[in-house]
Amino acid sequence: MNSEAENPIDLSVPAEPAAGRGSPDLETSADRALTADLALAAVKDRDLSSEVIEQISRNAAVMKSRKVRLALAAHPRTQRRIALRLIRELYTFDLMQFSLFSAVPADLRRVADELLVARLASITLGERISLARRSSSMVAAALLLDKEARVWQTALENPRLTEAAIVKALLRPGATPAFVTALSHHAKWSVRREVRMALLRNEYTPLARALEFARRLSPGQLRDVLHASRLPEKVKIYLRKDLESRHSGSKSP
């Protein structure tokens, strides 16, 4: 796995300025003598001006540092056009870290998530497993459709994964039979009402689980769900007959 995954960059605590030095001015930030360490220390100042940030972003030597690129992209005073350029240059796990920064504007975090999703097809199995464990809800949701069981199994345990994301995955054609079956037995997710209704719409849900979920719905809800369900026709017929049997039995004296 890429070593970047093992070394997340800490940008949470602003650095104290070095003794006798303040934030670099425009001339200093453009100077060839500026090092990555000095630039990173300067960028940790949340009050650094956008002009200085732009000058640092033009320093080719300093911008070779992944830490500086990430810090500049996440800085609150970085101009949007610069942030967008830097986001596209981030390594995979720096991109993941950026997407999780709560201080970063939501639209930029979404751009980072979309870039990560676009990269999923080209990264290694180990990297996808690591992303499934630690990434945002959007990325974890995309990994639910991964063909490798270890990836979607890990994504199901991601603490940021939402019920809405799981429902959406179940309704997409890419959901595999193994994923649907596992989800129908999942201790956390299979008890959620919306997930159960989505499982009743998926063609791969096992009959025994479909029957159990169907019996937890009202007659009207079940009819609505089955109307738009991709379950095999014989399964839907069985569930409707079971419903009729239960409904007629409830009317018996």
C-alpha atoms as a PDB file:
ATOM      1  CA  MET A   1       0.000   0.000   0.000  1.00  0.00           C
ATOM      2  CA  ASN A   2       1.183   3.525  -0.662  1.00  0.00           C
ATOM      3  CA  SER A   3       3.052   4.899   2.363  1.00  0.00           C
ATOM      4  CA  GLU A   4       0.877   8.027   2.299  1.00  0.00           C
ATOM      5  CA  ALA A   5      -1.937   5.949   3.812  1.00  0.00           C
ATOM      6  CA  GLU A   6       0.095   5.326   6.926  1.00  0.00           C
ATOM      7  CA  ASN A   7       1.123   8.943   7.514  1.00  0.00           C
ATOM      8  CA  PRO A   8      -1.858  11.286   7.737  1.00  0.00           C
ATOM      9  CA  ILE A   9      -0.966  14.953   7.886  1.00  0.00           C
ATOM     10  CA  ASP A  10      -1.901  16.846  11.042  1.00  0.00           C
ATOM     11  CA  LEU A  11      -3.223  20.299  10.213  1.00  0.00           C
ATOM     12  CA  SER A  12      -5.468  20.673  13.219  1.00  0.00           C
ATOM     13  CA  VAL A  13      -3.220  22.735  15.505  1.00  0.00           C
ATOM     14  CA  PRO A  14      -1.745  25.994  14.233  1.00  0.00           C
ATOM     15  CA  ALA A  15       2.014  26.136  14.542  1.00  0.00           C
ATOM     16  CA  GLU A  16       3.634  28.766  16.735  1.00  0.00           C
ATOM     17  CA  PRO A  17       5.695  31.226  14.688  1.00  0.00           C
ATOM     18  CA  ALA A  18       9.440  30.741  14.993  1.00  0.00           C
ATOM     19  CA  ALA A  19      11.150  33.174  17.349  1.00  0.00           C
ATOM     20  CA  GLY A  20      11.884  36.452  15.681  1.00  0.00           C
ATOM     21  CA  ARG A  21       9.873  35.570  12.565  1.00  0.00           C
ATOM     22  CA  GLY A  22       6.343  36.393  11.563  1.00  0.00           C
ATOM     23  CA  SER A  23       4.417  35.159   8.564  1.00  0.00           C
ATOM     24  CA  PRO A  24       6.496  35.402   5.387  1.00  0.00           C
ATOM     25  CA  ASP A  25       5.838  38.378   3.142  1.00  0.00           C
ATOM     26  CA  LEU A  26       5.284  38.206  -0.597  1.00  0.00           C
ATOM     27  CA  GLU A  27       8.963  38.441  -1.372  1.00  0.00           C
ATOM     28  CA  THR A  28       9.890  35.681   1.075  1.00  0.00           C
ATOM     29  CA  SER A  29       7.179  33.297  -0.088  1.00  0.00           C
ATOM     30  CA  ALA A  30       8.336  33.591  -3.678  1.00  0.00           C
ATOM     31  CA  ASP A  31      12.014  33.262  -2.729  1.00  0.00           C
ATOM     32  CA  ARG A  32      13.823  30.180  -4.008  1.00  0.00           C
ATOM     33  CA  ALA A  33      15.305  29.734  -0.529  1.00  0.00           C
ATOM     34  CA  LEU A  34      11.887  29.068   0.978  1.00  0.00           C
ATOM     35  CA  THR A  35      11.728  25.457   2.202  1.00  0.00           C
ATOM     36  CA  ALA A  36       8.746  23.163   2.496  1.00  0.00           C
ATOM     37  CA  ASP A  37       9.061  23.180   6.288  1.00  0.00           C
ATOM     38  CA  LEU A  38       9.001  26.976   6.446  1.00  0.00           C
ATOM     39  CA  ALA A  39       6.059  27.120   4.054  1.00  0.00           C
ATOM     40  CA  LEU A  40       4.139  24.515   6.050  1.00  0.00           C
ATOM     41  CA  ALA A  41       4.749  26.426   9.285  1.00  0.00           C
ATOM     42  CA  ALA A  42       3.524  29.629   7.635  1.00  0.00           C
ATOM     43  CA  VAL A  43       0.421  28.011   6.155  1.00  0.00           C
ATOM     44  CA  LYS A  44      -0.631  26.735   9.581  1.00  0.00           C
ATOM     45  CA  ASP A  45      -1.323  30.392  10.419  1.00  0.00           C
ATOM     46  CA  ARG A  46      -5.059  30.689   9.803  1.00  0.00           C
ATOM     47  CA  ASP A  47      -4.666  34.452   9.298  1.00  0.00           C
ATOM     48  CA  LEU A  48      -2.158  34.164   6.479  1.00  0.00           C
ATOM     49  CA  SER A  49      -3.185  36.444   3.608  1.00  0.00           C
ATOM     50  CA  SER A  50      -4.486  35.066   0.330  1.00  0.00           C
ATOM     51  CA  GLU A  51      -1.738  36.990  -1.474  1.00  0.00           C
ATOM     52  CA  VAL A  52       0.995  35.137   0.416  1.00  0.00           C
ATOM     53  CA  ILE A  53      -0.798  31.844  -0.139  1.00  0.00           C
ATOM     54  CA  GLU A  54      -0.887  32.481  -3.882  1.00  0.00           C
ATOM     55  CA  GLN A  55       2.819  33.318  -3.910  1.00  0.00           C
ATOM     56  CA  ILE A  56       3.627  30.091  -2.060  1.00  0.00           C
ATOM     57  CA  SER A  57       1.497  28.143  -4.551  1.00  0.00           C
ATOM     58  CA  ARG A  58       3.720  29.503  -7.337  1.00  0.00           C
ATOM     59  CA  ASN A  59       6.912  28.225  -5.729  1.00  0.00           C
ATOM     60  CA  ALA A  60       7.560  25.067  -7.749  1.00  0.00           C
ATOM     61  CA  ALA A  61      10.148  23.627  -5.361  1.00  0.00           C
ATOM     62  CA  VAL A  62       7.960  24.041  -2.281  1.00  0.00           C
ATOM     63  CA  MET A  63       4.859  22.715  -4.045  1.00  0.00           C
ATOM     64  CA  LYS A  64       6.539  19.357  -4.588  1.00  0.00           C
ATOM     65  CA  SER A  65       5.696  18.665  -0.926  1.00  0.00           C
ATOM     66  CA  ARG A  66       2.404  16.786  -0.481  1.00  0.00           C
ATOM     67  CA  LYS A  67       2.102  18.285   3.000  1.00  0.00           C
ATOM     68  CA  VAL A  68       2.268  21.823   1.633  1.00  0.00           C
ATOM     69  CA  ARG A  69      -0.224  21.066  -1.131  1.00  0.00           C
ATOM     70  CA  LEU A  70      -2.703  19.644   1.359  1.00  0.00           C
ATOM     71  CA  ALA A  71      -2.220  22.494   3.825  1.00  0.00           C
ATOM     72  CA  LEU A  72      -2.701  25.137   1.120  1.00  0.00           C
ATOM     73  CA  ALA A  73      -5.784  23.417  -0.294  1.00  0.00           C
ATOM     74  CA  ALA A  74      -7.374  23.307   3.167  1.00  0.00           C
ATOM     75  CA  HIS A  75      -6.453  26.858   4.202  1.00  0.00           C
ATOM     76  CA  PRO A  76      -9.533  29.081   4.723  1.00  0.00           C
ATOM     77  CA  ARG A  77      -7.958  31.956   2.780  1.00  0.00           C
ATOM     78  CA  THR A  78      -6.871  29.992  -0.262  1.00  0.00           C
ATOM     79  CA  GLN A  79      -8.683  31.251  -3.342  1.00  0.00           C
ATOM     80  CA  ARG A  80     -11.117  28.719  -4.788  1.00  0.00           C
ATOM     81  CA  ARG A  81      -9.366  28.437  -8.151  1.00  0.00           C
ATOM     82  CA  ILE A  82      -6.106  27.592  -6.387  1.00  0.00           C
ATOM     83  CA  ALA A  83      -7.784  25.143  -4.007  1.00  0.00           C
ATOM     84  CA  LEU A  84      -9.451  23.314  -6.912  1.00  0.00           C
ATOM     85  CA  ARG A  85      -6.140  22.960  -8.731  1.00  0.00           C
ATOM     86  CA  LEU A  86      -4.405  21.669  -5.606  1.00  0.00           C
ATOM     87  CA  ILE A  87      -7.180  19.203  -4.783  1.00  0.00           C
ATOM     88  CA  ARG A  88      -6.712  17.543  -8.165  1.00  0.00           C
ATOM     89  CA  GLU A  89      -3.002  17.148  -7.444  1.00  0.00           C
ATOM     90  CA  LEU A  90      -3.443  15.433  -4.067  1.00  0.00           C
ATOM     91  CA  TYR A  91      -2.492  11.802  -3.520  1.00  0.00           C
ATOM     92  CA  THR A  92      -5.360   9.439  -2.790  1.00  0.00           C
ATOM     93  CA  PHE A  93      -5.128   9.402   1.001  1.00  0.00           C
ATOM     94  CA  ASP A  94      -4.366  13.115   1.230  1.00  0.00           C
ATOM     95  CA  LEU A  95      -7.520  13.605  -0.830  1.00  0.00           C
ATOM     96  CA  MET A  96      -9.438  11.446   1.644  1.00  0.00           C
ATOM     97  CA  GLN A  97      -8.055  13.444   4.570  1.00  0.00           C
ATOM     98  CA  PHE A  98      -9.012  16.703   2.853  1.00  0.00           C
ATOM     99  CA  SER A  99     -12.589  15.483   2.315  1.00  0.00           C
ATOM    100  CA  LEU A 100     -12.917  14.860   6.067  1.00  0.00           C
ATOM    101  CA  PHE A 101     -11.753  18.306   7.222  1.00  0.00           C
ATOM    102  CA  SER A 102     -14.837  19.873   8.788  1.00  0.00           C
ATOM    103  CA  ALA A 103     -13.423  23.393   8.323  1.00  0.00           C
ATOM    104  CA  VAL A 104     -13.192  22.977   4.551  1.00  0.00           C
ATOM    105  CA  PRO A 105     -16.214  24.280   2.578  1.00  0.00           C
ATOM    106  CA  ALA A 106     -18.709  21.522   1.780  1.00  0.00           C
ATOM    107  CA  ASP A 107     -18.497  22.051  -1.985  1.00  0.00           C
ATOM    108  CA  LEU A 108     -14.728  21.496  -1.953  1.00  0.00           C
ATOM    109  CA  ARG A 109     -15.110  18.380   0.196  1.00  0.00           C
ATOM    110  CA  ARG A 110     -17.594  17.085  -2.356  1.00  0.00           C
ATOM    111  CA  VAL A 111     -15.141  17.716  -5.201  1.00  0.00           C
ATOM    112  CA  ALA A 112     -12.568  15.679  -3.274  1.00  0.00           C
ATOM    113  CA  ASP A 113     -15.070  12.858  -2.748  1.00  0.00           C
ATOM    114  CA  GLU A 114     -15.991  12.823  -6.434  1.00  0.00           C
ATOM    115  CA  LEU A 115     -12.316  12.642  -7.399  1.00  0.00           C
ATOM    116  CA  LEU A 116     -11.825   9.737  -4.996  1.00  0.00           C
ATOM    117  CA  VAL A 117     -14.800   7.855  -6.428  1.00  0.00           C
ATOM    118  CA  ALA A 118     -13.420   8.409  -9.935  1.00  0.00           C
ATOM    119  CA  ARG A 119     -10.091   6.887  -8.866  1.00  0.00           C
ATOM    120  CA  LEU A 120     -11.531   3.726  -7.297  1.00  0.00           C
ATOM    121  CA  ALA A 121     -11.194   1.659 -10.460  1.00  0.00           C
ATOM    122  CA  SER A 122      -7.462   2.372 -10.700  1.00  0.00           C
ATOM    123  CA  ILE A 123      -6.247   1.873  -7.116  1.00  0.00           C
ATOM    124  CA  THR A 124      -5.190  -1.336  -5.392  1.00  0.00           C
ATOM    125  CA  LEU A 125      -7.336  -3.675  -3.333  1.00  0.00           C
ATOM    126  CA  GLY A 126      -5.498  -2.700  -0.155  1.00  0.00           C
ATOM    127  CA  GLU A 127      -6.084   0.985  -0.821  1.00  0.00           C
ATOM    128  CA  ARG A 128      -9.777   0.395  -1.439  1.00  0.00           C
ATOM    129  CA  ILE A 129     -10.083  -1.522   1.833  1.00  0.00           C
ATOM    130  CA  SER A 130      -8.377   1.321   3.691  1.00  0.00           C
ATOM    131  CA  LEU A 131     -10.673   3.875   2.057  1.00  0.00           C
ATOM    132  CA  ALA A 132     -13.707   1.719   2.876  1.00  0.00           C
ATOM    133  CA  ARG A 133     -12.723   1.837   6.542  1.00  0.00           C
ATOM    134  CA  ARG A 134     -11.895   5.528   6.879  1.00  0.00           C
ATOM    135  CA  SER A 135     -13.456   7.590   4.101  1.00  0.00           C
ATOM    136  CA  SER A 136     -16.552   9.773   3.885  1.00  0.00           C
ATOM    137  CA  SER A 137     -20.051   8.416   3.440  1.00  0.00           C
ATOM    138  CA  MET A 138     -20.008   9.119  -0.307  1.00  0.00           C
ATOM    139  CA  VAL A 139     -16.836   7.137  -0.920  1.00  0.00           C
ATOM    140  CA  ALA A 140     -17.863   4.311   1.416  1.00  0.00           C
ATOM    141  CA  ALA A 141     -21.194   4.117  -0.402  1.00  0.00           C
ATOM    142  CA  ALA A 142     -19.442   3.766  -3.759  1.00  0.00           C
ATOM    143  CA  LEU A 143     -17.304   0.977  -2.315  1.00  0.00           C
ATOM    144  CA  LEU A 144     -20.428  -0.982  -1.357  1.00  0.00           C
ATOM    145  CA  LEU A 145     -20.604  -1.873  -5.054  1.00  0.00           C
ATOM    146  CA  ASP A 146     -17.025  -3.170  -5.188  1.00  0.00           C
ATOM    147  CA  LYS A 147     -16.730  -6.713  -6.538  1.00  0.00           C
ATOM    148  CA  GLU A 148     -14.313  -7.703  -3.757  1.00  0.00           C
ATOM    149  CA  ALA A 149     -16.147  -8.858  -0.642  1.00  0.00           C
ATOM    150  CA  ARG A 150     -13.425  -7.559   1.689  1.00  0.00           C
ATOM    151  CA  VAL A 151     -14.035  -4.053   0.390  1.00  0.00           C
ATOM    152  CA  TRP A 152     -17.813  -3.858   0.801  1.00  0.00           C
ATOM    153  CA  GLN A 153     -17.687  -5.775   4.086  1.00  0.00           C
ATOM    154  CA  THR A 154     -15.325  -3.121   5.431  1.00  0.00           C
ATOM    155  CA  ALA A 155     -17.456  -0.300   4.001  1.00  0.00           C
ATOM    156  CA  LEU A 156     -20.514  -1.625   5.850  1.00  0.00           C
ATOM    157  CA  GLU A 157     -18.672  -0.988   9.119  1.00  0.00           C
ATOM    158  CA  ASN A 158     -17.597   2.549   8.223  1.00  0.00           C
ATOM    159  CA  PRO A 159     -18.956   4.807  11.017  1.00  0.00           C
ATOM    160  CA  ARG A 160     -19.772   7.548   8.481  1.00  0.00           C
ATOM    161  CA  LEU A 161     -21.924   5.319   6.292  1.00  0.00           C
ATOM    162  CA  THR A 162     -25.581   6.351   6.284  1.00  0.00           C
ATOM    163  CA  GLU A 163     -28.826   4.452   5.901  1.00  0.00           C
ATOM    164  CA  ALA A 164     -29.664   6.535   2.837  1.00  0.00           C
ATOM    165  CA  ALA A 165     -26.399   5.497   1.170  1.00  0.00           C
ATOM    166  CA  ILE A 166     -27.137   1.822   1.773  1.00  0.00           C
ATOM    167  CA  VAL A 167     -30.666   2.148   0.380  1.00  0.00           C
ATOM    168  CA  LYS A 168     -29.271   3.840  -2.726  1.00  0.00           C
ATOM    169  CA  ALA A 169     -26.684   1.073  -3.190  1.00  0.00           C
ATOM    170  CA  LEU A 170     -29.359  -1.617  -2.902  1.00  0.00           C
ATOM    171  CA  LEU A 171     -31.424  -0.009  -5.626  1.00  0.00           C
ATOM    172  CA  ARG A 172     -28.518   0.225  -8.073  1.00  0.00           C
ATOM    173  CA  PRO A 173     -27.955  -2.526 -10.668  1.00  0.00           C
ATOM    174  CA  GLY A 174     -24.351  -3.004  -9.492  1.00  0.00           C
ATOM    175  CA  ALA A 175     -25.316  -4.498  -6.114  1.00  0.00           C
ATOM    176  CA  THR A 176     -24.005  -8.077  -6.087  1.00  0.00           C
ATOM    177  CA  PRO A 177     -25.939 -11.122  -4.803  1.00  0.00           C
ATOM    178  CA  ALA A 178     -23.300 -11.666  -2.094  1.00  0.00           C
ATOM    179  CA  PHE A 179     -23.614  -8.056  -0.898  1.00  0.00           C
ATOM    180  CA  VAL A 180     -27.423  -8.173  -0.811  1.00  0.00           C
ATOM    181  CA  THR A 181     -27.480 -11.492   1.035  1.00  0.00           C
ATOM    182  CA  ALA A 182     -24.936 -10.309   3.596  1.00  0.00           C
ATOM    183  CA  LEU A 183     -26.814  -7.056   4.132  1.00  0.00           C
ATOM    184  CA  SER A 184     -30.086  -8.916   4.672  1.00  0.00           C
ATOM    185  CA  HIS A 185     -28.432 -10.614   7.668  1.00  0.00           C
ATOM    186  CA  HIS A 186     -26.404  -7.634   8.922  1.00  0.00           C
ATOM    187  CA  ALA A 187     -26.941  -7.055  12.639  1.00  0.00           C
ATOM    188  CA  LYS A 188     -27.003  -3.258  12.354  1.00  0.00           C
ATOM    189  CA  TRP A 189     -28.466  -2.512   8.938  1.00  0.00           C
ATOM    190  CA  SER A 190     -31.009  -5.303   8.386  1.00  0.00           C
ATOM    191  CA  VAL A 191     -33.191  -4.009  11.237  1.00  0.00           C
ATOM    192  CA  ARG A 192     -33.614  -0.568   9.636  1.00  0.00           C
ATOM    193  CA  ARG A 193     -37.059  -0.077   8.118  1.00  0.00           C
ATOM    194  CA  GLU A 194     -35.910   1.751   4.985  1.00  0.00           C
ATOM    195  CA  VAL A 195     -33.171  -0.816   4.382  1.00  0.00           C
ATOM    196  CA  ARG A 196     -35.691  -3.637   4.691  1.00  0.00           C
ATOM    197  CA  MET A 197     -37.978  -1.971   2.174  1.00  0.00           C
ATOM    198  CA  ALA A 198     -35.033  -1.560  -0.208  1.00  0.00           C
ATOM    199  CA  LEU A 199     -34.133  -5.226   0.267  1.00  0.00           C
ATOM    200  CA  LEU A 200     -37.695  -6.140  -0.691  1.00  0.00           C
ATOM    201  CA  ARG A 201     -37.117  -4.273  -3.954  1.00  0.00           C
ATOM    202  CA  ASN A 202     -33.861  -6.092  -4.754  1.00  0.00           C
ATOM    203  CA  GLU A 203     -33.926  -9.248  -6.841  1.00  0.00           C
ATOM    204  CA  TYR A 204     -31.211 -11.000  -4.817  1.00  0.00           C
ATOM    205  CA  THR A 205     -32.811 -10.885  -1.362  1.00  0.00           C
ATOM    206  CA  PRO A 206     -33.249 -14.469  -0.070  1.00  0.00           C
ATOM    207  CA  LEU A 207     -36.853 -15.648   0.194  1.00  0.00           C
ATOM    208  CA  ALA A 208     -36.678 -16.366   3.927  1.00  0.00           C
ATOM    209  CA  ARG A 209     -35.430 -12.853   4.666  1.00  0.00           C
ATOM    210  CA  ALA A 210     -37.897 -11.278   2.241  1.00  0.00           C
ATOM    211  CA  LEU A 211     -40.723 -13.097   4.006  1.00  0.00           C
ATOM    212  CA  GLU A 212     -39.570 -11.879   7.408  1.00  0.00           C
ATOM    213  CA  PHE A 213     -39.263  -8.275   6.219  1.00  0.00           C
ATOM    214  CA  ALA A 214     -42.614  -8.412   4.435  1.00  0.00           C
ATOM    215  CA  ARG A 215     -44.385  -9.509   7.596  1.00  0.00           C
ATOM    216  CA  ARG A 216     -43.121  -6.390   9.399  1.00  0.00           C
ATOM    217  CA  LEU A 217     -44.869  -4.069   6.932  1.00  0.00           C
ATOM    218  CA  SER A 218     -48.497  -3.053   6.796  1.00  0.00           C
ATOM    219  CA  PRO A 219     -50.520  -4.541   3.903  1.00  0.00           C
ATOM    220  CA  GLY A 220     -50.560  -1.213   2.092  1.00  0.00           C
ATOM    221  CA  GLN A 221     -46.823  -0.682   2.459  1.00  0.00           C
ATOM    222  CA  LEU A 222     -46.056  -4.195   1.252  1.00  0.00           C
ATOM    223  CA  ARG A 223     -48.269  -3.825  -1.820  1.00  0.00           C
ATOM    224  CA  ASP A 224     -46.551  -0.541  -2.709  1.00  0.00           C
ATOM    225  CA  VAL A 225     -43.091  -2.044  -2.269  1.00  0.00           C
ATOM    226  CA  LEU A 226     -43.857  -5.145  -4.326  1.00  0.00           C
ATOM    227  CA  HIS A 227     -45.353  -3.043  -7.104  1.00  0.00           C
ATOM    228  CA  ALA A 228     -41.906  -1.561  -7.818  1.00  0.00           C
ATOM    229  CA  SER A 229     -39.873  -4.591  -6.712  1.00  0.00           C
ATOM    230  CA  ARG A 230     -37.311  -6.462  -8.822  1.00  0.00           C
ATOM    231  CA  LEU A 231     -37.817  -9.644  -6.794  1.00  0.00           C
ATOM    232  CA  PRO A 232     -38.494 -12.713  -8.985  1.00  0.00           C
ATOM    233  CA  GLU A 233     -42.170 -12.936  -9.875  1.00  0.00           C
ATOM    234  CA  LYS A 234     -42.602 -16.244  -8.066  1.00  0.00           C
ATOM    235  CA  VAL A 235     -41.250 -14.660  -4.871  1.00  0.00           C
ATOM    236  CA  LYS A 236     -43.649 -11.718  -5.176  1.00  0.00           C
ATOM    237  CA  ILE A 237     -46.549 -14.130  -5.730  1.00  0.00           C
ATOM    238  CA  TYR A 238     -45.521 -16.053  -2.606  1.00  0.00           C
ATOM    239  CA  LEU A 239     -45.344 -12.856  -0.533  1.00  0.00           C
ATOM    240  CA  ARG A 240     -48.757 -11.701  -1.776  1.00  0.00           C
ATOM    241  CA  LYS A 241     -50.308 -15.069  -0.947  1.00  0.00           C
ATOM    242  CA  ASP A 242     -48.747 -14.942   2.505  1.00  0.00           C
ATOM    243  CA  LEU A 243     -50.201 -11.469   2.962  1.00  0.00           C
ATOM    244  CA  GLU A 244     -53.659 -12.651   1.909  1.00  0.00           C
ATOM    245  CA  SER A 245     -53.409 -15.624   4.236  1.00  0.00           C
ATOM    246  CA  ARG A 246     -52.467 -13.424   7.183  1.00  0.00           C
ATOM    247  CA  HIS A 247     -55.130 -10.863   6.301  1.00  0.00           C
ATOM    248  CA  SER A 248     -57.904 -13.476   6.023  1.00  0.00           C
ATOM    249  CA  GLY A 249     -56.717 -15.198   9.199  1.00  0.00           C
ATOM    250  CA  SER A 250     -56.974 -11.933  11.115  1.00  0.00           C
ATOM    251  CA  LYS A 251     -60.680 -11.690  10.115  1.00  0.00           C
ATOM    252  CA  SER A 252     -61.530 -15.182  11.347  1.00  0.00           C
ATOM    253  CA  PRO A 253     -63.576 -15.288  14.584  1.00  0.00           C
END
